[in-house]
Amino acid sequence: MSIRKYGILVFLAYLVFPASNVYGHGFGIDTISSIDIQGKELSISVEMPMYFENTQEQITITATEKETKENAKNVTFLIGLFHENEMIFRNYFFADNGILQIKVTPTQEEKITIHGEQDSLLGAWHGTESNPIEITGPLFDSGGLYNFEIEVRTIDEPTNIIENSGIYNADLSLIEIISFIQKDSENNDVEFRSKSYFDTVSNFKYDFVAKEVTFEMPFDWSEKQISHIPVVHVETHLPKDFVEFLSPSYSAYVNGVELFKSSISVDDYTEDDERIIHLVLLQDHLRYLKNEMKKLDEPITENMAFRISASENTAFPLEAYTKSEDFKVNLSWDPLKVEPGIDTNFIFTIRDGRTNDPLRSSDYTFVLIQNGKEIHRVSGTAQIGGEFEKFMFAEDQTGPTIIKFENIRNTGQETEFALVVVPEFGTITLLILVISIMSIVFVSRRNPLTI
């Protein structure tokens, strides 16, 4: 994963969740927040990579005493690891300082092997500096959700064996990208890609008549499961030049229930040749969906059936924030249908990113880019915060286009919108969508329950 993509993901996580709550399901760490062991309250965190890209990776499990904030001593864990309802391993592991580090080396061997040293009491595996715990074999070779079942069997002293301490669960996801070849309305192959930060996507289909995509993902709708899921995030990637499914906006549904508008964002910026449709479901959204499904008076299945439909309606104004959050730009255009040889007015307002107030005397540079080359650049000042720029597209100026606002208020801050000029339908329809993930996150934070 590139540094740029990782930075966007971390920034998204930081915005949605406070630092103390960033855990689980696509963020590489899940925390069991409260475990009572012989009168002591512990928290146990499980951390592993979101991608198994290297020859060797590491799983780290840490037990912490909540009162002292210090690591627990002489902890023996009974750990079971499960994927797609199949057990990968179940063994005892010992950590004298409360921190269990397990090296993981995926191989093509037929069985899973644990390397290290074992004690004589429970046969718990433990590592030394020269001989760390290592697990080799056919594991973590596919994406999706991995479940850790954890019991605490000793604490304080290696011989202090605890019975019936309870079984606790931590769930972590390996990010998985799957390609699906679908047919368009002219029977051409189109490659869609699905990127899941939760569990494995299957049954992906594109319907060119309905202009929608559908897919499924396993999901446990029990409150026990929902209570420790901060977010479910899945992306649908499609080519930017796949005109028949490019739309000013999209509607999305899970098991027949329409998602909040704040759960759907369109990103034309991260990938040069792809549009990404993000579906981000927060914990409150999951509970809302479950309640709405109950009203349908149908059995709740253990999955999420997604449907994303193209919409022909554009809601003005569109908006995008600068990365610093200092500024927000609202954008509309007139006329709605843009044709060669006719002036298009791009109408915009530069606002304070926190108060939403228009910012008077705001300098800016307005840029239009096609195929990596500038086709228009002009600088100006929005005296009352709002202004417009006029541009006439030529006959050969079609295809993916970037609208960019640079050096806002002489700060170097900038933001972008993406558009596609589509000539095939007799008139050129300008499809403009907000491409900044950050802007969608802020809309989500401020209007979490707006449909």
Protein backbone atom coordinates (compact mmCIF):
# COMPACT_ATOMS: atom_id res chain seq x y z
CA MET A 1 0.00 0.00 0.00
CA SER A 2 1.42 3.38 -0.97
CA ILE A 3 2.19 6.01 1.68
CA ARG A 4 -0.37 8.27 0.06
CA LYS A 5 -3.18 5.72 0.36
CA TYR A 6 -2.18 4.78 3.90
CA GLY A 7 -2.19 8.44 4.88
CA ILE A 8 -5.70 8.94 3.51
CA LEU A 9 -6.94 5.88 5.41
CA VAL A 10 -5.35 6.98 8.68
CA PHE A 11 -6.64 10.53 8.22
CA LEU A 12 -10.15 9.18 7.60
CA ALA A 13 -9.92 7.05 10.73
CA TYR A 14 -8.67 10.00 12.77
CA LEU A 15 -11.56 12.18 11.65
CA VAL A 16 -14.30 9.64 12.26
CA PHE A 17 -13.08 8.27 15.59
CA PRO A 18 -11.18 9.91 18.46
CA ALA A 19 -7.70 8.47 18.96
CA SER A 20 -8.80 6.36 21.93
CA ASN A 21 -11.52 4.66 19.88
CA VAL A 22 -9.67 3.77 16.68
CA TYR A 23 -9.82 -0.01 16.70
CA GLY A 24 -11.01 -3.12 14.90
CA HIS A 25 -12.43 -3.95 11.49
CA GLY A 26 -10.03 -2.40 9.05
CA PHE A 27 -7.91 -0.36 11.44
CA GLY A 28 -5.57 -3.17 12.51
CA ILE A 29 -6.40 -3.30 16.22
CA ASP A 30 -9.38 -4.46 18.27
CA THR A 31 -9.68 -3.94 22.03
CA ILE A 32 -11.66 -6.05 24.49
CA SER A 33 -12.29 -3.21 26.89
CA SER A 34 -13.36 -4.89 30.15
CA ILE A 35 -12.47 -8.35 31.52
CA ASP A 36 -12.79 -9.27 35.20
CA ILE A 37 -10.08 -11.71 36.30
CA GLN A 38 -9.97 -12.47 40.04
CA GLY A 39 -11.10 -8.97 40.94
CA LYS A 40 -8.80 -7.25 38.46
CA GLU A 41 -10.23 -5.42 35.48
CA LEU A 42 -8.18 -5.98 32.34
CA SER A 43 -8.31 -4.79 28.77
CA ILE A 44 -6.84 -6.90 26.00
CA SER A 45 -5.85 -5.49 22.64
CA VAL A 46 -5.11 -7.55 19.53
CA GLU A 47 -3.12 -5.93 16.74
CA MET A 48 -2.14 -7.24 13.32
CA PRO A 49 -1.43 -5.80 9.85
CA MET A 50 -4.30 -4.89 7.54
CA TYR A 51 -2.29 -6.45 4.68
CA PHE A 52 -0.05 -9.53 4.76
CA GLU A 53 2.32 -8.24 2.09
CA ASN A 54 5.71 -9.14 3.57
CA THR A 55 7.41 -12.50 4.05
CA GLN A 56 6.84 -12.21 7.80
CA GLU A 57 4.36 -10.16 9.83
CA GLN A 58 3.52 -9.94 13.53
CA ILE A 59 0.47 -10.31 15.77
CA THR A 60 0.69 -8.52 19.13
CA ILE A 61 -1.68 -9.23 22.04
CA THR A 62 -1.40 -7.02 25.13
CA ALA A 63 -3.13 -7.39 28.51
CA THR A 64 -3.34 -4.19 30.59
CA GLU A 65 -4.59 -3.63 34.14
CA LYS A 66 -7.09 -0.79 33.85
CA GLU A 67 -6.55 0.56 37.38
CA THR A 68 -2.76 0.86 37.22
CA LYS A 69 -2.52 1.31 33.42
CA GLU A 70 0.38 -1.15 33.55
CA ASN A 71 0.77 -4.42 31.69
CA ALA A 72 -0.44 -7.51 33.52
CA LYS A 73 2.23 -9.97 34.68
CA ASN A 74 2.63 -13.68 33.91
CA VAL A 75 -0.41 -13.98 31.68
CA THR A 76 -1.25 -17.26 29.97
CA PHE A 77 -3.67 -16.85 27.08
CA LEU A 78 -5.70 -19.62 25.46
CA ILE A 79 -6.10 -18.30 21.93
CA GLY A 80 -8.23 -19.69 19.13
CA LEU A 81 -8.09 -18.13 15.68
CA PHE A 82 -11.02 -18.64 13.29
CA HIS A 83 -11.70 -17.61 9.69
CA GLU A 84 -14.92 -18.31 7.78
CA ASN A 85 -16.10 -20.47 10.71
CA GLU A 86 -13.03 -22.72 10.48
CA MET A 87 -10.44 -23.00 13.25
CA ILE A 88 -6.89 -22.14 12.19
CA PHE A 89 -5.27 -22.94 15.55
CA ARG A 90 -6.06 -23.06 19.28
CA ASN A 91 -3.15 -23.09 21.74
CA TYR A 92 -1.79 -21.74 25.02
CA PHE A 93 0.64 -18.80 24.92
CA PHE A 94 2.53 -17.22 27.83
CA ALA A 95 3.67 -13.60 28.25
CA ASP A 96 5.56 -12.72 31.43
CA ASN A 97 5.22 -8.98 30.78
CA GLY A 98 1.66 -9.08 29.41
CA ILE A 99 2.79 -8.54 25.81
CA LEU A 100 2.54 -11.55 23.50
CA GLN A 101 4.33 -11.19 20.17
CA ILE A 102 3.79 -13.87 17.54
CA LYS A 103 5.73 -13.85 14.28
CA VAL A 104 3.60 -15.05 11.37
CA THR A 105 5.19 -16.54 8.25
CA PRO A 106 2.64 -17.69 5.65
CA THR A 107 3.95 -20.67 3.67
CA GLN A 108 2.68 -23.30 1.25
CA GLU A 109 3.07 -26.08 3.81
CA GLU A 110 0.07 -28.33 4.36
CA LYS A 111 -0.21 -27.78 8.11
CA ILE A 112 0.30 -25.00 10.62
CA THR A 113 3.35 -25.29 12.87
CA ILE A 114 4.19 -23.30 16.01
CA HIS A 115 7.86 -22.67 16.79
CA GLY A 116 9.27 -21.52 20.13
CA GLU A 117 9.54 -22.91 23.63
CA GLN A 118 6.84 -24.55 25.79
CA ASP A 119 6.43 -24.62 29.56
CA SER A 120 5.76 -27.81 31.50
CA LEU A 121 2.55 -26.66 33.23
CA LEU A 122 0.08 -26.00 30.42
CA GLY A 123 2.35 -26.47 27.45
CA ALA A 124 2.07 -22.76 26.74
CA TRP A 125 4.27 -21.38 23.98
CA HIS A 126 6.61 -18.54 24.91
CA GLY A 127 9.43 -16.84 23.14
CA THR A 128 12.93 -15.66 23.91
CA GLU A 129 15.10 -13.11 22.18
CA SER A 130 16.94 -15.85 20.30
CA ASN A 131 13.90 -18.07 19.79
CA PRO A 132 10.70 -15.99 19.35
CA ILE A 133 7.26 -17.52 18.88
CA GLU A 134 6.62 -18.10 15.19
CA ILE A 135 3.67 -19.66 13.38
CA THR A 136 4.19 -20.98 9.85
CA GLY A 137 1.89 -22.62 7.36
CA PRO A 138 -1.19 -21.85 5.22
CA LEU A 139 -2.67 -18.95 7.21
CA PHE A 140 -3.76 -15.40 6.36
CA ASP A 141 -3.80 -16.34 2.68
CA SER A 142 -7.20 -14.74 2.07
CA GLY A 143 -8.89 -11.55 3.16
CA GLY A 144 -11.94 -10.99 5.30
CA LEU A 145 -12.77 -11.18 8.98
CA TYR A 146 -10.58 -13.09 11.45
CA ASN A 147 -11.95 -13.91 14.91
CA PHE A 148 -9.73 -14.32 17.97
CA GLU A 149 -11.28 -16.24 20.89
CA ILE A 150 -9.28 -15.42 24.02
CA GLU A 151 -9.30 -16.86 27.54
CA VAL A 152 -7.02 -15.82 30.40
CA ARG A 153 -5.71 -18.92 32.21
CA THR A 154 -3.01 -17.47 34.50
CA ILE A 155 -2.20 -14.03 35.91
CA ASP A 156 0.28 -12.58 38.45
CA GLU A 157 2.03 -15.93 38.95
CA PRO A 158 2.74 -18.58 36.28
CA THR A 159 1.17 -21.26 38.53
CA ASN A 160 -1.97 -19.23 39.37
CA ILE A 161 -4.30 -21.23 37.11
CA ILE A 162 -7.74 -19.69 36.55
CA GLU A 163 -10.76 -21.76 35.58
CA ASN A 164 -13.80 -20.48 33.69
CA SER A 165 -12.52 -16.93 33.20
CA GLY A 166 -14.81 -16.49 30.19
CA ILE A 167 -14.26 -16.41 26.46
CA TYR A 168 -13.78 -13.01 24.83
CA ASN A 169 -13.73 -12.13 21.17
CA ALA A 170 -11.68 -9.74 19.05
CA ASP A 171 -12.34 -9.36 15.33
CA LEU A 172 -9.85 -7.97 12.83
CA SER A 173 -9.99 -7.71 9.07
CA LEU A 174 -7.50 -8.32 6.32
CA ILE A 175 -8.24 -5.85 3.56
CA GLU A 176 -9.20 -7.71 0.42
CA ILE A 177 -9.39 -6.46 -3.16
CA ILE A 178 -11.35 -8.61 -5.62
CA SER A 179 -11.88 -7.96 -9.33
CA PHE A 180 -15.21 -8.71 -11.03
CA ILE A 181 -15.55 -8.64 -14.82
CA GLN A 182 -19.05 -7.54 -15.85
CA LYS A 183 -20.77 -6.79 -19.16
CA ASP A 184 -21.93 -3.29 -20.12
CA SER A 185 -24.92 -2.41 -22.29
CA GLU A 186 -22.89 -3.12 -25.44
CA ASN A 187 -21.61 -6.48 -24.17
CA ASN A 188 -18.12 -5.14 -23.49
CA ASP A 189 -16.12 -6.36 -20.49
CA VAL A 190 -15.83 -3.86 -17.64
CA GLU A 191 -13.61 -4.48 -14.62
CA PHE A 192 -15.10 -3.54 -11.28
CA ARG A 193 -13.03 -3.95 -8.13
CA SER A 194 -14.29 -4.35 -4.59
CA LYS A 195 -12.12 -3.38 -1.62
CA SER A 196 -13.47 -4.48 1.75
CA TYR A 197 -12.19 -3.31 5.13
CA PHE A 198 -14.54 -5.72 6.88
CA ASP A 199 -15.36 -9.11 5.33
CA THR A 200 -15.25 -10.82 1.95
CA VAL A 201 -17.47 -9.50 -0.85
CA SER A 202 -19.21 -12.02 -3.12
CA ASN A 203 -21.98 -12.29 -5.75
CA PHE A 204 -21.00 -8.99 -7.38
CA LYS A 205 -23.23 -8.08 -10.34
CA TYR A 206 -23.70 -5.05 -12.56
CA ASP A 207 -27.14 -4.50 -14.12
CA PHE A 208 -26.83 -2.09 -17.06
CA VAL A 209 -30.62 -1.82 -17.46
CA ALA A 210 -31.23 -0.75 -13.87
CA LYS A 211 -27.85 1.04 -13.71
CA GLU A 212 -26.93 -0.54 -10.40
CA VAL A 213 -24.42 -2.89 -8.82
CA THR A 214 -25.24 -5.48 -6.18
CA PHE A 215 -23.03 -7.58 -3.92
CA GLU A 216 -23.09 -9.40 -0.59
CA MET A 217 -20.95 -9.68 2.52
CA PRO A 218 -21.34 -11.89 5.62
CA PHE A 219 -22.54 -10.05 8.72
CA ASP A 220 -23.71 -11.00 12.21
CA TRP A 221 -26.54 -8.63 13.20
CA SER A 222 -26.49 -9.59 16.89
CA GLU A 223 -26.09 -6.72 19.37
CA LYS A 224 -23.05 -8.47 20.83
CA GLN A 225 -21.33 -8.20 17.46
CA ILE A 226 -22.54 -4.70 16.58
CA SER A 227 -21.46 -3.33 19.97
CA HIS A 228 -17.76 -3.64 19.14
CA ILE A 229 -17.89 -2.67 15.45
CA PRO A 230 -17.00 1.02 15.03
CA VAL A 231 -17.37 1.00 11.25
CA VAL A 232 -18.08 -1.15 8.20
CA HIS A 233 -16.30 0.22 5.15
CA VAL A 234 -16.42 -1.16 1.61
CA GLU A 235 -15.33 0.43 -1.67
CA THR A 236 -16.55 -0.17 -5.22
CA HIS A 237 -14.03 0.79 -7.92
CA LEU A 238 -14.96 1.36 -11.56
CA PRO A 239 -13.17 2.89 -14.57
CA LYS A 240 -13.53 6.66 -14.87
CA ASP A 241 -14.26 6.27 -18.57
CA PHE A 242 -17.18 3.88 -17.92
CA VAL A 243 -19.70 6.55 -18.82
CA GLU A 244 -22.95 4.61 -18.45
CA PHE A 245 -22.47 4.21 -14.67
CA LEU A 246 -21.00 7.66 -13.99
CA SER A 247 -23.59 9.66 -12.16
CA PRO A 248 -23.97 12.97 -10.31
CA SER A 249 -24.87 10.95 -7.22
CA TYR A 250 -25.70 7.44 -6.04
CA SER A 251 -28.25 5.84 -3.75
CA ALA A 252 -27.29 2.80 -1.73
CA TYR A 253 -29.23 0.14 0.17
CA VAL A 254 -28.47 -2.67 2.60
CA ASN A 255 -31.00 -5.50 2.77
CA GLY A 256 -33.57 -3.21 1.16
CA VAL A 257 -33.07 -0.30 3.57
CA GLU A 258 -31.78 2.96 2.11
CA LEU A 259 -28.51 4.20 3.58
CA PHE A 260 -27.93 7.67 4.92
CA LYS A 261 -26.59 10.08 2.32
CA SER A 262 -23.67 10.71 4.66
CA SER A 263 -22.73 7.02 4.30
CA ILE A 264 -22.04 7.39 0.56
CA SER A 265 -19.11 9.26 -0.91
CA VAL A 266 -17.60 9.43 -4.37
CA ASP A 267 -13.83 9.72 -4.80
CA ASP A 268 -12.38 10.62 -8.21
CA TYR A 269 -9.04 11.70 -6.75
CA THR A 270 -7.26 8.77 -5.08
CA GLU A 271 -6.86 6.67 -8.23
CA ASP A 272 -5.91 8.23 -11.58
CA ASP A 273 -8.09 5.92 -13.69
CA GLU A 274 -10.80 4.84 -11.27
CA ARG A 275 -13.81 6.25 -9.52
CA ILE A 276 -14.31 4.90 -6.00
CA ILE A 277 -17.71 4.73 -4.33
CA HIS A 278 -17.23 4.50 -0.57
CA LEU A 279 -19.91 3.05 1.70
CA VAL A 280 -19.12 3.82 5.36
CA LEU A 281 -21.55 2.53 8.00
CA LEU A 282 -20.99 3.69 11.57
CA GLN A 283 -22.23 1.77 14.60
CA ASP A 284 -25.38 3.89 14.98
CA HIS A 285 -26.13 3.33 11.30
CA LEU A 286 -25.90 -0.45 11.80
CA ARG A 287 -28.42 -0.32 14.64
CA TYR A 288 -30.71 1.86 12.53
CA LEU A 289 -30.54 -0.63 9.67
CA LYS A 290 -31.32 -3.52 12.01
CA ASN A 291 -34.37 -1.72 13.41
CA GLU A 292 -35.61 -0.90 9.91
CA MET A 293 -35.16 -4.51 8.81
CA LYS A 294 -37.28 -5.66 11.75
CA LYS A 295 -40.11 -3.47 10.43
CA LEU A 296 -40.03 -5.39 7.14
CA ASP A 297 -41.34 -8.42 9.05
CA GLU A 298 -38.87 -10.73 7.34
CA PRO A 299 -36.15 -12.96 8.84
CA ILE A 300 -32.86 -11.08 9.29
CA THR A 301 -30.25 -13.00 7.32
CA GLU A 302 -26.61 -13.20 8.40
CA ASN A 303 -25.34 -11.01 5.60
CA MET A 304 -25.42 -7.55 4.08
CA ALA A 305 -26.95 -7.39 0.62
CA PHE A 306 -25.73 -4.13 -0.94
CA ARG A 307 -27.25 -2.26 -3.85
CA ILE A 308 -25.77 0.91 -5.37
CA SER A 309 -27.96 2.75 -7.89
CA ALA A 310 -27.02 5.61 -10.18
CA SER A 311 -29.04 8.79 -9.74
CA GLU A 312 -29.71 11.41 -12.36
CA ASN A 313 -30.28 14.18 -9.83
CA THR A 314 -27.58 16.61 -8.77
CA ALA A 315 -28.01 18.43 -5.47
CA PHE A 316 -26.48 21.89 -5.49
CA PRO A 317 -24.30 23.21 -4.09
CA LEU A 318 -21.56 20.59 -4.10
CA GLU A 319 -18.91 21.12 -1.44
CA ALA A 320 -15.33 20.15 -0.69
CA TYR A 321 -12.99 21.00 2.18
CA THR A 322 -9.30 21.74 2.01
CA LYS A 323 -7.13 19.17 3.77
CA SER A 324 -6.47 21.52 6.69
CA GLU A 325 -10.24 21.99 7.28
CA ASP A 326 -9.69 25.76 7.19
CA PHE A 327 -11.72 26.38 4.04
CA LYS A 328 -14.74 24.93 2.28
CA VAL A 329 -15.78 25.62 -1.30
CA ASN A 330 -19.41 25.38 -2.48
CA LEU A 331 -19.83 24.87 -6.23
CA SER A 332 -22.75 24.97 -8.67
CA TRP A 333 -22.93 25.50 -12.44
CA ASP A 334 -25.31 26.95 -14.99
CA PRO A 335 -26.68 25.74 -17.32
CA LEU A 336 -27.06 22.21 -16.00
CA LYS A 337 -26.50 20.74 -19.47
CA VAL A 338 -23.25 21.98 -20.93
CA GLU A 339 -22.72 22.04 -24.67
CA PRO A 340 -19.72 23.07 -26.76
CA GLY A 341 -19.82 26.71 -27.77
CA ILE A 342 -22.03 27.76 -24.86
CA ASP A 343 -20.67 29.61 -21.84
CA THR A 344 -20.83 27.72 -18.56
CA ASN A 345 -20.92 29.71 -15.34
CA PHE A 346 -19.17 27.98 -12.43
CA ILE A 347 -20.67 29.60 -9.34
CA PHE A 348 -18.83 29.16 -6.05
CA THR A 349 -18.51 30.45 -2.50
CA ILE A 350 -15.40 30.25 -0.33
CA ARG A 351 -16.34 29.64 3.30
CA ASP A 352 -14.77 29.22 6.71
CA GLY A 353 -14.40 25.45 7.16
CA ARG A 354 -15.53 25.58 10.79
CA THR A 355 -18.18 28.30 10.96
CA ASN A 356 -19.45 27.99 7.35
CA ASP A 357 -19.41 31.80 7.05
CA PRO A 358 -18.54 33.31 3.63
CA LEU A 359 -15.02 34.75 3.63
CA ARG A 360 -14.79 38.20 2.08
CA SER A 361 -11.88 39.24 -0.13
CA SER A 362 -10.83 35.65 -0.79
CA ASP A 363 -8.11 35.26 -3.42
CA TYR A 364 -8.15 32.05 -5.49
CA THR A 365 -6.89 30.43 -8.67
CA PHE A 366 -9.47 28.53 -10.72
CA VAL A 367 -8.02 25.71 -12.86
CA LEU A 368 -9.53 23.21 -15.32
CA ILE A 369 -7.44 20.12 -16.15
CA GLN A 370 -8.02 17.42 -18.77
CA ASN A 371 -5.74 14.44 -19.49
CA GLY A 372 -3.16 15.83 -17.09
CA LYS A 373 -2.95 19.17 -18.95
CA GLU A 374 -4.39 22.54 -17.99
CA ILE A 375 -7.00 23.84 -20.38
CA HIS A 376 -7.86 26.94 -18.33
CA ARG A 377 -6.32 28.92 -15.46
CA VAL A 378 -7.43 32.24 -14.02
CA SER A 379 -6.89 34.01 -10.70
CA GLY A 380 -9.35 36.31 -8.98
CA THR A 381 -10.78 37.62 -5.73
CA ALA A 382 -14.19 36.75 -4.31
CA GLN A 383 -14.99 40.12 -2.77
CA ILE A 384 -18.05 38.97 -0.80
CA GLY A 385 -16.99 35.33 -0.57
CA GLY A 386 -19.01 34.33 -3.62
CA GLU A 387 -17.95 34.63 -7.25
CA PHE A 388 -18.29 32.92 -10.64
CA GLU A 389 -15.97 31.97 -13.47
CA LYS A 390 -17.08 31.56 -17.08
CA PHE A 391 -15.71 28.95 -19.48
CA MET A 392 -16.73 27.64 -22.91
CA PHE A 393 -15.80 24.02 -23.68
CA ALA A 394 -14.54 23.31 -27.18
CA GLU A 395 -15.72 20.38 -29.28
CA ASP A 396 -12.62 18.34 -28.44
CA GLN A 397 -12.64 19.12 -24.70
CA THR A 398 -14.46 16.05 -23.41
CA GLY A 399 -13.75 13.30 -20.90
CA PRO A 400 -12.53 13.32 -17.28
CA THR A 401 -11.83 16.84 -16.03
CA ILE A 402 -10.62 18.28 -12.74
CA ILE A 403 -11.93 21.56 -11.32
CA LYS A 404 -9.31 22.87 -8.94
CA PHE A 405 -9.28 25.82 -6.55
CA GLU A 406 -5.66 26.65 -5.72
CA ASN A 407 -3.90 28.99 -3.26
CA ILE A 408 -7.13 29.91 -1.45
CA ARG A 409 -6.67 33.23 0.39
CA ASN A 410 -2.93 33.07 -0.45
CA THR A 411 -2.39 30.18 1.99
CA GLY A 412 -1.38 27.49 -0.49
CA GLN A 413 -4.51 25.53 0.49
CA GLU A 414 -6.45 23.87 -2.33
CA THR A 415 -9.34 21.55 -3.03
CA GLU A 416 -10.69 19.72 -6.07
CA PHE A 417 -13.85 18.56 -7.74
CA ALA A 418 -14.02 16.01 -10.57
CA LEU A 419 -16.16 16.20 -13.67
CA VAL A 420 -16.72 14.14 -16.78
CA VAL A 421 -17.77 15.88 -19.98
CA VAL A 422 -19.82 13.27 -21.85
CA PRO A 423 -20.54 14.02 -25.53
CA GLU A 424 -22.27 10.83 -26.63
CA PHE A 425 -25.81 11.85 -25.72
CA GLY A 426 -26.25 14.80 -28.06
CA THR A 427 -25.53 17.32 -25.35
CA ILE A 428 -22.58 17.35 -23.04
CA THR A 429 -23.77 16.55 -19.57
CA LEU A 430 -21.42 17.76 -16.90
CA LEU A 431 -21.26 15.27 -14.08
CA ILE A 432 -19.49 16.84 -11.14
CA LEU A 433 -18.96 15.06 -7.84
CA VAL A 434 -17.10 15.97 -4.69
CA ILE A 435 -13.94 13.93 -4.67
CA SER A 436 -12.51 14.80 -1.28
CA ILE A 437 -12.95 12.01 1.31
CA MET A 438 -12.42 14.62 3.99
CA SER A 439 -15.47 16.63 2.91
CA ILE A 440 -17.73 13.58 3.15
CA VAL A 441 -16.36 12.76 6.57
CA PHE A 442 -17.22 16.23 7.83
CA VAL A 443 -20.73 16.04 6.38
CA SER A 444 -21.08 12.66 8.10
CA ARG A 445 -19.92 14.06 11.43
CA ARG A 446 -22.21 17.03 11.30
CA ASN A 447 -25.31 15.31 9.87
CA PRO A 448 -24.98 11.66 10.90
CA LEU A 449 -28.66 10.82 10.60
CA THR A 450 -29.64 12.81 7.52
CA ILE A 451 -31.11 10.88 4.64
